[in-house]
């Protein structure tokens, strides 16, 4: 799993069978210091994340192991919305109410 930040949404007029009805978000990967990297991915949303949320991302075959993504042709899934990230006693990230 990796951490990412939702930066947008993909809108499409047609989707393959099992992808229909699933929201696809654009996530920018975060490094170990929670800084945005240049890498982005389109991800199936399984947790109703929104723009600005810091999220947990799964990739490869693990992305197809959620109840919503079994049998779906995806390599990336948003599987959690992060509330807090800490290292030792230091809080690196704390979700605010206004995202």
N, C-alpha and C. Protein backbone atom coordinates (compact mmCIF):
# COMPACT_ATOMS: atom_id res chain seq x y z
N UNK A 1 0.83 -1.18 0.00
CA UNK A 1 0.00 0.00 0.00
C UNK A 1 0.88 1.24 0.00
N UNK A 2 0.30 2.30 -0.54
CA UNK A 2 0.98 3.59 -0.55
C UNK A 2 0.00 4.66 -0.13
N UNK A 3 0.53 5.81 0.27
CA UNK A 3 -0.30 6.96 0.57
C UNK A 3 -0.40 7.83 -0.67
N UNK A 4 -1.56 8.46 -0.84
CA UNK A 4 -1.76 9.37 -1.95
C UNK A 4 -2.71 10.47 -1.56
N UNK A 5 -2.82 11.46 -2.43
CA UNK A 5 -3.76 12.56 -2.22
C UNK A 5 -4.64 12.66 -3.46
N UNK A 6 -5.94 12.73 -3.25
CA UNK A 6 -6.87 12.80 -4.37
C UNK A 6 -6.81 14.21 -4.96
N UNK A 7 -6.54 14.28 -6.27
CA UNK A 7 -6.42 15.57 -6.94
C UNK A 7 -7.46 15.77 -8.03
N UNK A 8 -8.27 14.77 -8.31
CA UNK A 8 -9.28 14.93 -9.35
C UNK A 8 -10.12 13.69 -9.56
N UNK A 9 -11.01 13.77 -10.51
CA UNK A 9 -11.92 12.67 -10.81
C UNK A 9 -11.93 12.43 -12.31
N UNK A 10 -12.07 11.18 -12.72
CA UNK A 10 -12.18 10.82 -14.13
C UNK A 10 -13.66 10.70 -14.47
N UNK A 11 -14.08 11.37 -15.52
CA UNK A 11 -15.46 11.25 -16.00
C UNK A 11 -15.41 10.61 -17.37
N UNK A 12 -16.19 9.53 -17.55
CA UNK A 12 -16.21 8.87 -18.84
C UNK A 12 -17.64 8.54 -19.23
N UNK A 13 -17.92 8.60 -20.53
CA UNK A 13 -19.27 8.32 -21.01
C UNK A 13 -19.53 6.82 -21.13
N UNK A 14 -18.47 6.03 -21.28
CA UNK A 14 -18.61 4.58 -21.38
C UNK A 14 -17.57 3.90 -20.53
N UNK A 15 -17.99 2.81 -19.89
CA UNK A 15 -17.06 1.99 -19.11
C UNK A 15 -17.36 0.53 -19.39
N UNK A 16 -16.34 -0.32 -19.24
CA UNK A 16 -16.48 -1.75 -19.39
C UNK A 16 -17.43 -2.25 -18.30
N UNK A 17 -18.19 -3.28 -18.60
CA UNK A 17 -19.19 -3.87 -17.73
C UNK A 17 -19.07 -3.66 -16.25
N UNK A 18 -18.10 -4.28 -15.59
CA UNK A 18 -18.01 -4.23 -14.13
C UNK A 18 -17.44 -2.90 -13.61
N UNK A 19 -16.94 -2.06 -14.49
CA UNK A 19 -16.45 -0.75 -14.06
C UNK A 19 -17.60 0.26 -14.01
N UNK A 20 -18.70 -0.05 -14.71
CA UNK A 20 -19.86 0.84 -14.69
C UNK A 20 -20.33 1.05 -13.25
N UNK A 21 -20.65 2.28 -12.92
CA UNK A 21 -21.15 2.60 -11.59
C UNK A 21 -20.06 2.84 -10.56
N UNK A 22 -18.79 2.62 -10.92
CA UNK A 22 -17.69 2.86 -9.99
C UNK A 22 -17.06 4.22 -10.27
N UNK A 23 -16.80 4.98 -9.21
CA UNK A 23 -16.15 6.28 -9.34
C UNK A 23 -14.66 6.05 -9.51
N UNK A 24 -14.07 6.79 -10.43
CA UNK A 24 -12.63 6.71 -10.67
C UNK A 24 -12.01 8.05 -10.31
N UNK A 25 -11.04 8.02 -9.41
CA UNK A 25 -10.37 9.22 -8.93
C UNK A 25 -8.93 9.26 -9.39
N UNK A 26 -8.38 10.46 -9.49
CA UNK A 26 -6.97 10.64 -9.81
C UNK A 26 -6.24 10.93 -8.50
N UNK A 27 -5.23 10.12 -8.20
CA UNK A 27 -4.46 10.28 -6.97
C UNK A 27 -3.01 10.59 -7.31
N UNK A 28 -2.42 11.50 -6.55
CA UNK A 28 -0.99 11.76 -6.66
C UNK A 28 -0.32 11.07 -5.47
N UNK A 29 0.68 10.25 -5.77
CA UNK A 29 1.38 9.52 -4.72
C UNK A 29 2.15 10.46 -3.80
N UNK A 30 2.24 10.08 -2.52
CA UNK A 30 3.00 10.83 -1.53
C UNK A 30 4.23 10.02 -1.12
N UNK A 31 5.31 10.73 -0.80
CA UNK A 31 6.52 10.04 -0.35
C UNK A 31 6.47 9.82 1.17
N UNK A 32 7.58 9.35 1.74
CA UNK A 32 7.61 9.03 3.18
C UNK A 32 7.50 10.26 4.07
N UNK A 33 7.67 11.46 3.48
CA UNK A 33 7.52 12.71 4.23
C UNK A 33 6.17 13.36 3.96
N UNK A 34 5.31 12.62 3.26
CA UNK A 34 3.97 13.07 2.85
C UNK A 34 4.02 14.23 1.87
N UNK A 35 5.11 14.32 1.11
CA UNK A 35 5.24 15.31 0.05
C UNK A 35 4.75 14.69 -1.25
N UNK A 36 4.06 15.48 -2.06
CA UNK A 36 3.56 14.98 -3.34
C UNK A 36 4.71 14.65 -4.27
N UNK A 37 4.60 13.50 -4.92
CA UNK A 37 5.57 13.12 -5.95
C UNK A 37 4.97 13.50 -7.30
N UNK A 38 5.67 13.27 -8.34
CA UNK A 38 5.16 13.55 -9.68
C UNK A 38 4.30 12.43 -10.24
N UNK A 39 4.20 11.32 -9.51
CA UNK A 39 3.50 10.14 -10.01
C UNK A 39 2.01 10.21 -9.67
N UNK A 40 1.18 9.95 -10.65
CA UNK A 40 -0.26 9.92 -10.44
C UNK A 40 -0.84 8.60 -10.95
N UNK A 41 -2.05 8.29 -10.53
CA UNK A 41 -2.72 7.08 -10.99
C UNK A 41 -4.23 7.30 -10.96
N UNK A 42 -4.92 6.67 -11.89
CA UNK A 42 -6.38 6.62 -11.86
C UNK A 42 -6.76 5.40 -11.01
N UNK A 43 -7.63 5.61 -10.02
CA UNK A 43 -7.94 4.57 -9.04
C UNK A 43 -9.44 4.41 -8.86
N UNK A 44 -9.91 3.17 -8.78
CA UNK A 44 -11.30 2.91 -8.44
C UNK A 44 -11.49 3.25 -6.97
N UNK A 45 -12.54 4.04 -6.68
CA UNK A 45 -12.82 4.49 -5.31
C UNK A 45 -13.73 3.50 -4.61
N UNK A 46 -13.27 2.91 -3.51
CA UNK A 46 -14.10 1.97 -2.75
C UNK A 46 -14.59 2.55 -1.43
N UNK A 47 -14.22 3.81 -1.12
CA UNK A 47 -14.52 4.37 0.21
C UNK A 47 -15.14 5.77 0.16
N UNK A 48 -15.57 6.22 -0.99
CA UNK A 48 -16.20 7.55 -1.14
C UNK A 48 -15.26 8.68 -0.76
N UNK A 49 -14.03 8.62 -1.25
CA UNK A 49 -13.05 9.68 -1.02
C UNK A 49 -13.39 10.88 -1.90
N UNK A 50 -12.79 12.01 -1.58
CA UNK A 50 -13.01 13.22 -2.35
C UNK A 50 -11.72 13.96 -2.58
N UNK A 51 -11.79 14.98 -3.43
CA UNK A 51 -10.61 15.79 -3.74
C UNK A 51 -10.07 16.39 -2.46
N UNK A 52 -8.76 16.27 -2.27
CA UNK A 52 -8.08 16.79 -1.09
C UNK A 52 -7.84 15.75 -0.02
N UNK A 53 -8.55 14.62 -0.08
CA UNK A 53 -8.35 13.56 0.92
C UNK A 53 -7.00 12.89 0.75
N UNK A 54 -6.35 12.59 1.87
CA UNK A 54 -5.18 11.72 1.87
C UNK A 54 -5.72 10.31 2.03
N UNK A 55 -5.27 9.39 1.18
CA UNK A 55 -5.87 8.06 1.11
C UNK A 55 -4.83 6.96 1.09
N UNK A 56 -5.30 5.74 1.37
CA UNK A 56 -4.49 4.53 1.20
C UNK A 56 -4.79 3.96 -0.18
N UNK A 57 -3.75 3.62 -0.91
CA UNK A 57 -3.90 3.09 -2.26
C UNK A 57 -3.35 1.67 -2.33
N UNK A 58 -4.07 0.82 -3.02
CA UNK A 58 -3.59 -0.53 -3.33
C UNK A 58 -3.39 -0.63 -4.82
N UNK A 59 -2.41 -1.39 -5.22
CA UNK A 59 -2.17 -1.56 -6.65
C UNK A 59 -1.99 -3.02 -6.99
N UNK A 60 -1.92 -3.29 -8.28
CA UNK A 60 -1.73 -4.63 -8.81
C UNK A 60 -2.91 -5.53 -8.44
N UNK A 61 -2.67 -6.81 -8.20
CA UNK A 61 -3.77 -7.73 -7.91
C UNK A 61 -4.46 -7.42 -6.59
N UNK A 62 -3.79 -6.76 -5.66
CA UNK A 62 -4.41 -6.38 -4.39
C UNK A 62 -5.57 -5.41 -4.60
N UNK A 63 -5.52 -4.62 -5.66
CA UNK A 63 -6.59 -3.66 -5.95
C UNK A 63 -7.90 -4.35 -6.30
N UNK A 64 -7.84 -5.61 -6.66
CA UNK A 64 -9.04 -6.36 -7.04
C UNK A 64 -9.55 -7.26 -5.92
N UNK A 65 -9.11 -7.03 -4.69
CA UNK A 65 -9.49 -7.89 -3.58
C UNK A 65 -10.55 -7.29 -2.67
N UNK A 66 -11.10 -6.12 -3.01
CA UNK A 66 -12.17 -5.54 -2.20
C UNK A 66 -13.51 -6.07 -2.68
N UNK A 67 -14.53 -5.91 -1.88
CA UNK A 67 -15.87 -6.36 -2.27
C UNK A 67 -16.33 -5.67 -3.55
N UNK A 68 -15.96 -4.39 -3.72
CA UNK A 68 -16.40 -3.63 -4.90
C UNK A 68 -15.58 -3.92 -6.15
N UNK A 69 -14.35 -4.40 -5.99
CA UNK A 69 -13.48 -4.53 -7.16
C UNK A 69 -13.21 -5.98 -7.59
N UNK A 70 -13.82 -6.95 -6.95
CA UNK A 70 -13.61 -8.34 -7.38
C UNK A 70 -14.08 -8.50 -8.82
N UNK A 71 -13.19 -8.97 -9.66
CA UNK A 71 -13.52 -9.19 -11.06
C UNK A 71 -13.51 -7.94 -11.91
N UNK A 72 -13.11 -6.81 -11.35
CA UNK A 72 -13.05 -5.54 -12.09
C UNK A 72 -11.65 -5.38 -12.68
N UNK A 73 -11.58 -4.88 -13.89
CA UNK A 73 -10.28 -4.69 -14.53
C UNK A 73 -9.65 -3.38 -14.04
N UNK A 74 -8.99 -3.46 -12.89
CA UNK A 74 -8.29 -2.30 -12.34
C UNK A 74 -6.97 -2.73 -11.74
N UNK A 75 -6.01 -1.83 -11.77
CA UNK A 75 -4.73 -2.06 -11.12
C UNK A 75 -4.53 -1.14 -9.93
N UNK A 76 -5.50 -0.24 -9.68
CA UNK A 76 -5.36 0.72 -8.58
C UNK A 76 -6.71 0.93 -7.90
N UNK A 77 -6.70 0.95 -6.57
CA UNK A 77 -7.92 1.19 -5.81
C UNK A 77 -7.63 2.05 -4.59
N UNK A 78 -8.58 2.92 -4.28
CA UNK A 78 -8.54 3.69 -3.03
C UNK A 78 -9.25 2.83 -2.00
N UNK A 79 -8.53 2.44 -0.94
CA UNK A 79 -9.10 1.50 0.04
C UNK A 79 -9.24 2.09 1.44
N UNK A 80 -8.85 3.34 1.63
CA UNK A 80 -9.01 3.97 2.94
C UNK A 80 -8.81 5.47 2.87
N UNK A 81 -9.52 6.19 3.73
CA UNK A 81 -9.32 7.63 3.89
C UNK A 81 -8.54 7.81 5.19
N UNK A 82 -7.42 8.50 5.11
CA UNK A 82 -6.50 8.64 6.25
C UNK A 82 -6.96 9.77 7.16
N UNK A 83 -7.00 9.50 8.46
CA UNK A 83 -7.31 10.52 9.45
C UNK A 83 -6.03 11.11 10.05
N UNK A 84 -5.07 10.25 10.38
CA UNK A 84 -3.83 10.70 11.01
C UNK A 84 -2.68 9.82 10.56
N UNK A 85 -1.51 10.44 10.37
CA UNK A 85 -0.27 9.72 10.12
C UNK A 85 0.73 10.22 11.16
N UNK A 86 1.36 9.27 11.86
CA UNK A 86 2.37 9.66 12.84
C UNK A 86 3.62 8.82 12.68
N UNK A 87 4.71 9.36 13.17
CA UNK A 87 5.98 8.65 13.20
C UNK A 87 6.54 8.85 14.60
N UNK A 88 6.57 7.78 15.38
CA UNK A 88 6.94 7.93 16.78
C UNK A 88 5.89 8.77 17.48
N UNK A 89 6.30 9.82 18.14
CA UNK A 89 5.35 10.70 18.82
C UNK A 89 5.01 11.93 17.99
N UNK A 90 5.55 12.03 16.77
CA UNK A 90 5.33 13.19 15.91
C UNK A 90 4.19 12.92 14.94
N UNK A 91 3.20 13.82 14.92
CA UNK A 91 2.09 13.72 13.96
C UNK A 91 2.52 14.37 12.66
N UNK A 92 2.52 13.58 11.58
CA UNK A 92 2.92 14.08 10.27
C UNK A 92 1.74 14.65 9.50
N UNK A 93 0.55 14.11 9.77
CA UNK A 93 -0.66 14.56 9.06
C UNK A 93 -1.86 14.34 9.97
N UNK A 94 -2.75 15.32 9.99
CA UNK A 94 -4.02 15.21 10.72
C UNK A 94 -5.09 15.78 9.80
N UNK A 95 -6.10 14.97 9.52
CA UNK A 95 -7.20 15.42 8.65
C UNK A 95 -7.96 16.54 9.34
N UNK A 96 -8.24 17.60 8.57
CA UNK A 96 -9.06 18.70 9.09
C UNK A 96 -10.47 18.56 8.54
N UNK A 97 -11.42 19.24 9.13
CA UNK A 97 -12.80 19.18 8.67
C UNK A 97 -13.00 19.83 7.30
N UNK A 98 -12.13 20.76 6.94
CA UNK A 98 -12.30 21.45 5.66
C UNK A 98 -11.40 20.89 4.56
N UNK A 99 -10.83 19.70 4.78
CA UNK A 99 -9.96 19.02 3.81
C UNK A 99 -8.83 19.91 3.44
